[in-house]
Amino acid sequence: MGLATISLLAALSLALAPPAQGPVAALFPPWWNATQSLSAAAGAGAIIRFGALPSIVIVQPAGEGGSAALHHLGAWAVLDPQVFGGCGATLK
């Protein structure tokens, strides 16, 4: 049972890991409104769109270290948007 749990967690961490390049899904605290989430995410790169919730923002990080910058700006997690609900309204 323990080996199965470890295998499942390893598979999930690989599937949800942010891509080395390209857009990422930044998950901010759920009590943040859309303005707070967008403001924080803009500090790390170009905003693409919201995710399924206002606290999820799809971002194109500017350069290396985009994930670390998003964490520093308040993101709880930085994930692959293709796996983690990258759907949402496109910002114009």
Protein backbone atom coordinates (compact mmCIF):
# COMPACT_ATOMS: atom_id res chain seq x y z
CA MET A 1 0.00 0.00 0.00
CA GLY A 2 2.81 2.43 0.86
CA LEU A 3 4.57 1.82 -2.44
CA ALA A 4 1.34 2.42 -4.36
CA THR A 5 0.79 5.73 -2.54
CA ILE A 6 4.35 6.86 -3.22
CA SER A 7 4.00 5.92 -6.90
CA LEU A 8 0.73 7.83 -7.20
CA LEU A 9 2.20 10.94 -5.56
CA ALA A 10 5.25 10.79 -7.82
CA ALA A 11 3.07 10.50 -10.93
CA LEU A 12 0.89 13.43 -9.82
CA SER A 13 3.88 15.64 -9.08
CA LEU A 14 5.28 14.97 -12.56
CA ALA A 15 1.93 15.59 -14.24
CA LEU A 16 1.28 18.86 -12.39
CA ALA A 17 4.83 20.23 -12.58
CA PRO A 18 5.06 23.51 -14.48
CA PRO A 19 6.64 23.31 -17.92
CA ALA A 20 10.25 24.44 -18.33
CA GLN A 21 9.05 26.97 -20.91
CA GLY A 22 5.70 28.46 -21.77
CA PRO A 23 2.65 29.46 -19.75
CA VAL A 24 2.07 28.34 -16.18
CA ALA A 25 -0.97 28.35 -13.91
CA ALA A 26 -0.33 30.37 -10.76
CA LEU A 27 -2.62 29.43 -7.87
CA PHE A 28 -3.02 32.34 -5.45
CA PRO A 29 -4.85 32.25 -2.09
CA PRO A 30 -8.56 31.55 -2.68
CA TRP A 31 -9.66 34.63 -0.72
CA TRP A 32 -7.80 36.94 -3.14
CA ASN A 33 -10.02 38.70 -5.64
CA ALA A 34 -9.22 38.92 -9.36
CA THR A 35 -7.47 42.28 -8.99
CA GLN A 36 -5.09 41.00 -6.31
CA SER A 37 -4.29 37.87 -8.30
CA LEU A 38 -3.69 39.78 -11.54
CA SER A 39 -1.56 42.40 -9.82
CA ALA A 40 0.68 39.79 -8.23
CA ALA A 41 0.97 37.67 -11.39
CA ALA A 42 1.87 40.69 -13.52
CA GLY A 43 5.04 41.05 -11.48
CA ALA A 44 6.35 37.79 -12.94
CA GLY A 45 5.36 38.05 -16.59
CA ALA A 46 2.63 38.54 -19.15
CA ILE A 47 -0.93 37.68 -18.11
CA ILE A 48 -2.69 35.34 -20.54
CA ARG A 49 -6.03 34.69 -18.84
CA PHE A 50 -7.79 33.56 -15.69
CA GLY A 51 -8.08 29.91 -14.79
CA ALA A 52 -11.23 28.30 -13.46
CA LEU A 53 -11.28 30.69 -10.45
CA PRO A 54 -10.24 34.34 -9.99
CA SER A 55 -7.34 33.16 -7.81
CA ILE A 56 -5.85 31.16 -10.71
CA VAL A 57 -3.99 33.15 -13.35
CA ILE A 58 -2.33 31.77 -16.47
CA VAL A 59 0.97 33.60 -16.90
CA GLN A 60 3.82 33.59 -19.42
CA PRO A 61 6.81 34.06 -17.09
CA ALA A 62 9.44 36.57 -18.14
CA GLY A 63 12.75 34.70 -18.32
CA GLU A 64 14.21 32.09 -16.00
CA GLY A 65 12.94 31.79 -12.46
CA GLY A 66 9.33 32.62 -13.28
CA SER A 67 7.98 29.97 -10.92
CA ALA A 68 10.14 31.23 -8.06
CA ALA A 69 9.04 34.81 -8.76
CA LEU A 70 5.37 33.79 -8.66
CA HIS A 71 5.90 32.03 -5.32
CA HIS A 72 7.63 35.14 -4.00
CA LEU A 73 4.64 37.24 -5.15
CA GLY A 74 2.19 35.07 -3.21
CA ALA A 75 1.37 32.07 -5.40
CA TRP A 76 0.74 28.93 -3.38
CA ALA A 77 1.53 26.71 -6.35
CA VAL A 78 2.73 27.01 -9.93
CA LEU A 79 1.40 24.23 -12.15
CA ASP A 80 1.08 23.11 -15.76
CA PRO A 81 -2.03 24.92 -17.09
CA GLN A 82 -2.81 22.09 -19.54
CA VAL A 83 -3.23 19.65 -16.66
CA PHE A 84 -4.61 22.05 -14.07
CA GLY A 85 -7.66 23.69 -15.64
CA GLY A 86 -6.03 26.21 -17.96
CA CYS A 87 -9.46 27.13 -19.21
CA GLY A 88 -11.01 30.48 -18.58
CA ALA A 89 -11.72 33.80 -20.20
CA THR A 90 -8.89 35.25 -22.27
CA LEU A 91 -7.88 38.71 -21.14
CA LYS A 92 -7.77 41.42 -23.79
